[in-house]
């Protein structure tokens, strides 16, 4: 017991004062050789030294593990997001429009001049589009009546394309997942801008959306029952619809 007690004191000296001081202490209290006595100071000291060595190795392994995990977390926290800007194919992308009135409806198409969608880590975050308003065509009529309506739509009663050759759309915010988004965008038509919310779906390299626009928000009031009385069956609906297909 005395040997054990003194060995512990020596061990304490080693931890606080140093290795050589601990050895000096042991030699000073145990000048005689102890042989292979398992309870000798030397044997007990050696056992404790082995335990300290194991503890140090375990501590080093633990610290290396903690450092590795910390480094990994730090690396991930500073990982650069993957950004991509995907330009649309204006030839393959298109806009189909639908305008209704009391006595019927008309359909037609528009073409893009340019546009792109912006992604971060494959998530839609932005984009812009420019539409050629002089590309406006009517698809439900032919011949004289087709040309007459197209000319009227491009006049100052409607889109005034001589002065406003393009219309623009810029995405300001998005929410959703990889295949379906709620999109908020600024539409600029005839020089006036209005924020509109719509749903856009994604599949492979195609994006589609249906957008409802109120023409009166862009200064187009021709035969609008919201501004003129007694139009009766000559009234044209304020809201027209766009069905958009984007290829990129």
Protein backbone atom coordinates (compact mmCIF):
# COMPACT_ATOMS: atom_id res chain seq x y z
CA UNK A 1 0.00 0.00 0.00
CA UNK A 2 2.84 2.35 0.86
CA UNK A 3 4.47 1.58 -2.47
CA UNK A 4 1.24 2.32 -4.29
CA UNK A 5 0.82 5.56 -2.37
CA UNK A 6 4.35 6.69 -3.11
CA UNK A 7 4.03 5.72 -6.78
CA UNK A 8 0.94 7.92 -7.04
CA UNK A 9 2.89 10.78 -5.48
CA UNK A 10 5.66 10.22 -8.02
CA UNK A 11 3.12 10.16 -10.83
CA UNK A 12 1.74 13.48 -9.57
CA UNK A 13 5.24 14.90 -9.55
CA UNK A 14 5.73 13.71 -13.14
CA UNK A 15 2.49 15.39 -14.25
CA UNK A 16 3.18 18.70 -12.48
CA UNK A 17 6.96 19.06 -12.23
CA UNK A 18 8.24 16.84 -15.00
CA UNK A 19 9.45 13.38 -15.86
CA UNK A 20 12.98 13.64 -14.47
CA UNK A 21 11.83 15.20 -11.22
CA UNK A 22 9.44 12.27 -10.72
CA UNK A 23 12.23 9.76 -11.33
CA UNK A 24 14.49 11.57 -8.88
CA UNK A 25 11.70 11.44 -6.31
CA UNK A 26 11.26 7.67 -6.79
CA UNK A 27 14.95 6.99 -6.52
CA UNK A 28 15.19 9.07 -3.39
CA UNK A 29 12.53 7.00 -1.60
CA UNK A 30 13.47 3.64 -3.10
CA UNK A 31 17.23 3.37 -3.38
CA UNK A 32 17.15 -0.44 -3.28
CA UNK A 33 16.40 -2.59 -6.25
CA UNK A 34 12.95 -4.04 -6.19
CA UNK A 35 13.46 -6.89 -8.64
CA UNK A 36 10.26 -8.20 -10.19
CA UNK A 37 8.08 -7.39 -7.18
CA UNK A 38 4.70 -6.40 -8.68
CA UNK A 39 4.15 -4.01 -5.80
CA UNK A 40 7.53 -2.30 -6.09
CA UNK A 41 7.65 1.42 -6.79
CA UNK A 42 9.31 0.75 -10.13
CA UNK A 43 6.65 -1.68 -11.30
CA UNK A 44 3.77 0.56 -10.22
CA UNK A 45 5.42 3.59 -11.79
CA UNK A 46 5.96 1.73 -15.06
CA UNK A 47 2.31 0.65 -15.09
CA UNK A 48 1.12 4.20 -14.58
CA UNK A 49 3.50 5.48 -17.23
CA UNK A 50 2.02 2.97 -19.69
CA UNK A 51 -1.46 4.16 -18.83
CA UNK A 52 -0.42 7.77 -19.41
CA UNK A 53 1.04 6.79 -22.80
CA UNK A 54 -2.24 5.09 -23.80
CA UNK A 55 -4.24 8.11 -22.64
CA UNK A 56 -2.04 10.46 -24.67
CA UNK A 57 -2.46 8.30 -27.79
CA UNK A 58 -6.22 8.23 -27.28
CA UNK A 59 -6.26 12.02 -26.77
CA UNK A 60 -4.26 12.55 -29.98
CA UNK A 61 -6.63 10.31 -31.93
CA UNK A 62 -9.65 12.13 -30.50
CA UNK A 63 -8.16 15.54 -31.31
CA UNK A 64 -7.39 14.46 -34.88
CA UNK A 65 -10.98 13.27 -35.28
CA UNK A 66 -12.40 16.52 -33.85
CA UNK A 67 -10.11 18.55 -36.08
CA UNK A 68 -11.14 16.53 -39.15
CA UNK A 69 -14.84 17.00 -38.44
CA UNK A 70 -14.34 20.71 -37.79
CA UNK A 71 -12.39 21.11 -41.02
CA UNK A 72 -15.14 19.31 -42.97
CA UNK A 73 -17.86 21.53 -41.46
CA UNK A 74 -15.80 24.64 -42.20
CA UNK A 75 -15.23 23.52 -45.78
CA UNK A 76 -18.92 22.84 -46.36
CA UNK A 77 -19.96 26.15 -44.80
CA UNK A 78 -17.75 28.03 -47.25
CA UNK A 79 -18.65 25.88 -50.27
CA UNK A 80 -19.31 28.02 -53.36
CA UNK A 81 -22.88 27.58 -54.67
CA UNK A 82 -23.17 26.22 -58.18
CA UNK A 83 -24.50 29.00 -60.42
CA UNK A 84 -25.76 28.66 -63.98
CA UNK A 85 -27.33 30.97 -66.55
CA UNK A 86 -29.22 29.10 -69.24
CA UNK A 87 -30.12 31.05 -72.35
CA UNK A 88 -33.37 30.15 -74.03
CA UNK A 89 -33.55 28.91 -77.59
CA UNK A 90 -35.63 31.67 -79.18
CA UNK A 91 -36.43 29.59 -82.25
CA UNK A 92 -37.92 26.70 -80.29
CA UNK A 93 -39.47 28.79 -77.49
CA UNK A 94 -42.84 30.39 -78.07
CA UNK A 95 -45.79 32.30 -76.61
CA UNK A 96 -49.41 31.53 -77.40
CA UNK A 97 -51.90 34.25 -76.50
CA UNK A 98 -55.66 34.14 -75.97
CA UNK A 99 -57.89 37.23 -75.87
CA UNK A 100 -61.64 37.04 -75.25
CA UNK A 101 -64.56 39.31 -75.94
CA UNK A 102 -68.32 39.11 -75.42
CA UNK A 103 -68.95 37.61 -78.88
CA UNK A 104 -65.95 35.26 -79.05
CA UNK A 105 -62.18 35.06 -78.82
CA UNK A 106 -58.96 35.29 -80.79
CA UNK A 107 -55.70 33.37 -80.55
CA UNK A 108 -52.20 34.06 -81.75
CA UNK A 109 -48.45 33.82 -81.15
CA UNK A 110 -45.45 35.95 -80.16
CA UNK A 111 -41.72 35.34 -80.48
CA UNK A 112 -38.84 35.94 -78.08
CA UNK A 113 -35.85 38.13 -78.98
CA UNK A 114 -33.75 36.88 -76.07
CA UNK A 115 -33.98 35.48 -72.58
CA UNK A 116 -32.33 33.38 -69.90
CA UNK A 117 -33.06 31.56 -66.67
CA UNK A 118 -30.75 31.77 -63.65
CA UNK A 119 -30.12 28.82 -61.33
CA UNK A 120 -28.25 28.31 -58.05
CA UNK A 121 -27.65 24.67 -57.09
CA UNK A 122 -30.22 23.70 -59.76
CA UNK A 123 -32.87 25.93 -58.15
CA UNK A 124 -34.52 28.66 -60.23
CA UNK A 125 -33.64 32.08 -58.76
CA UNK A 126 -34.10 34.57 -61.61
CA UNK A 127 -34.30 35.29 -65.28
CA UNK A 128 -35.38 37.77 -67.93
CA UNK A 129 -37.13 37.72 -71.32
CA UNK A 130 -37.53 40.14 -74.19
CA UNK A 131 -40.47 39.69 -76.56
CA UNK A 132 -40.60 41.02 -80.12
CA UNK A 133 -44.02 42.71 -80.22
CA UNK A 134 -43.87 43.09 -84.01
CA UNK A 135 -43.80 39.29 -84.25
CA UNK A 136 -47.44 39.23 -83.06
CA UNK A 137 -49.57 36.98 -85.26
CA UNK A 138 -53.24 35.94 -85.29
CA UNK A 139 -53.79 32.21 -85.76
CA UNK A 140 -57.59 31.84 -85.74
CA UNK A 141 -58.19 34.01 -88.84
CA UNK A 142 -56.91 33.98 -92.41
CA UNK A 143 -56.43 36.39 -95.27
CA UNK A 144 -57.85 39.89 -95.04
CA UNK A 145 -59.34 39.55 -91.55
CA UNK A 146 -56.12 38.10 -90.17
CA UNK A 147 -54.04 41.02 -91.47
CA UNK A 148 -56.65 43.54 -90.32
CA UNK A 149 -56.65 42.29 -86.72
CA UNK A 150 -52.84 42.03 -86.59
CA UNK A 151 -52.56 45.64 -87.78
CA UNK A 152 -55.11 46.77 -85.19
CA UNK A 153 -53.35 44.98 -82.34
CA UNK A 154 -50.10 46.73 -83.26
CA UNK A 155 -51.77 50.15 -83.37
CA UNK A 156 -52.04 52.65 -80.51
CA UNK A 157 -55.43 51.18 -79.57
CA UNK A 158 -53.52 48.21 -78.23
CA UNK A 159 -49.77 47.55 -78.07
CA UNK A 160 -48.46 50.50 -80.15
CA UNK A 161 -45.55 48.46 -81.47
CA UNK A 162 -44.10 51.28 -83.56
CA UNK A 163 -43.06 53.01 -80.31
CA UNK A 164 -42.83 49.96 -78.05
CA UNK A 165 -41.11 47.34 -80.15
CA UNK A 166 -40.44 44.99 -77.24
CA UNK A 167 -42.07 43.83 -74.03
CA UNK A 168 -39.98 42.65 -71.11
CA UNK A 169 -40.30 40.32 -68.17
CA UNK A 170 -37.86 40.09 -65.25
CA UNK A 171 -38.12 37.50 -62.47
CA UNK A 172 -37.82 39.18 -59.07
CA UNK A 173 -38.38 36.21 -56.74
CA UNK A 174 -39.10 32.49 -56.75
CA UNK A 175 -40.22 29.85 -54.28
CA UNK A 176 -40.64 26.12 -54.73
CA UNK A 177 -38.60 23.11 -55.76
CA UNK A 178 -36.83 21.84 -58.85
CA UNK A 179 -39.92 21.05 -60.92
CA UNK A 180 -42.51 23.60 -59.74
CA UNK A 181 -42.10 27.24 -58.76
CA UNK A 182 -44.20 30.21 -57.77
CA UNK A 183 -42.66 33.07 -59.69
CA UNK A 184 -43.02 36.80 -59.15
CA UNK A 185 -41.99 38.87 -62.15
CA UNK A 186 -42.13 42.42 -63.44
CA UNK A 187 -43.82 42.72 -66.84
CA UNK A 188 -43.12 45.86 -68.85
CA UNK A 189 -45.54 46.53 -71.72
CA UNK A 190 -45.94 49.88 -73.49
CA UNK A 191 -43.43 51.34 -71.05
CA UNK A 192 -45.51 50.47 -67.97
CA UNK A 193 -44.42 47.87 -65.41
CA UNK A 194 -46.62 45.61 -63.31
CA UNK A 195 -45.67 42.81 -60.89
CA UNK A 196 -47.42 39.51 -61.63
CA UNK A 197 -47.39 36.12 -59.87
CA UNK A 198 -47.67 32.84 -61.79
CA UNK A 199 -46.68 29.16 -61.64
CA UNK A 200 -43.77 27.83 -63.70
CA UNK A 201 -43.03 24.13 -64.12
CA UNK A 202 -39.69 22.60 -65.12
CA UNK A 203 -38.97 19.35 -66.89
CA UNK A 204 -35.55 18.54 -68.31
CA UNK A 205 -34.65 21.51 -70.58
CA UNK A 206 -38.19 22.89 -70.84
CA UNK A 207 -40.07 25.41 -68.72
CA UNK A 208 -43.78 26.16 -69.11
CA UNK A 209 -46.08 28.75 -67.57
CA UNK A 210 -49.56 30.21 -67.90
CA UNK A 211 -49.82 33.92 -67.19
CA UNK A 212 -52.93 36.11 -66.92
CA UNK A 213 -52.36 39.83 -67.60
CA UNK A 214 -54.77 42.72 -67.20
CA UNK A 215 -54.22 44.92 -70.25
CA UNK A 216 -55.57 48.01 -68.48
CA UNK A 217 -52.55 47.91 -66.14
CA UNK A 218 -50.47 48.71 -69.22
CA UNK A 219 -52.63 51.54 -70.53
CA UNK A 220 -54.64 49.45 -73.00
CA UNK A 221 -58.26 50.53 -72.45
CA UNK A 222 -59.77 50.03 -75.89
CA UNK A 223 -63.36 48.77 -75.48
CA UNK A 224 -62.79 47.96 -71.81
CA UNK A 225 -66.02 47.84 -69.82
CA UNK A 226 -63.98 48.95 -66.80
CA UNK A 227 -63.59 52.39 -68.38
CA UNK A 228 -66.40 52.73 -70.91
CA UNK A 229 -70.15 52.32 -70.50
CA UNK A 230 -72.73 51.03 -72.97
CA UNK A 231 -70.30 48.80 -74.87
CA UNK A 232 -72.72 45.90 -74.62
CA UNK A 233 -71.59 43.07 -76.89
CA UNK A 234 -68.66 45.11 -78.24
CA UNK A 235 -66.75 44.87 -74.95
CA UNK A 236 -63.35 43.16 -74.91
CA UNK A 237 -62.17 41.39 -71.74
CA UNK A 238 -59.51 43.19 -69.73
CA UNK A 239 -57.58 40.01 -69.00
CA UNK A 240 -55.71 38.13 -71.72
CA UNK A 241 -53.77 34.90 -71.24
CA UNK A 242 -50.29 33.81 -72.23
CA UNK A 243 -49.18 30.20 -72.49
CA UNK A 244 -45.39 30.20 -72.48
CA UNK A 245 -43.02 27.41 -73.47
CA UNK A 246 -39.28 27.90 -72.95
CA UNK A 247 -36.56 25.69 -74.42
CA UNK A 248 -33.04 26.08 -73.06
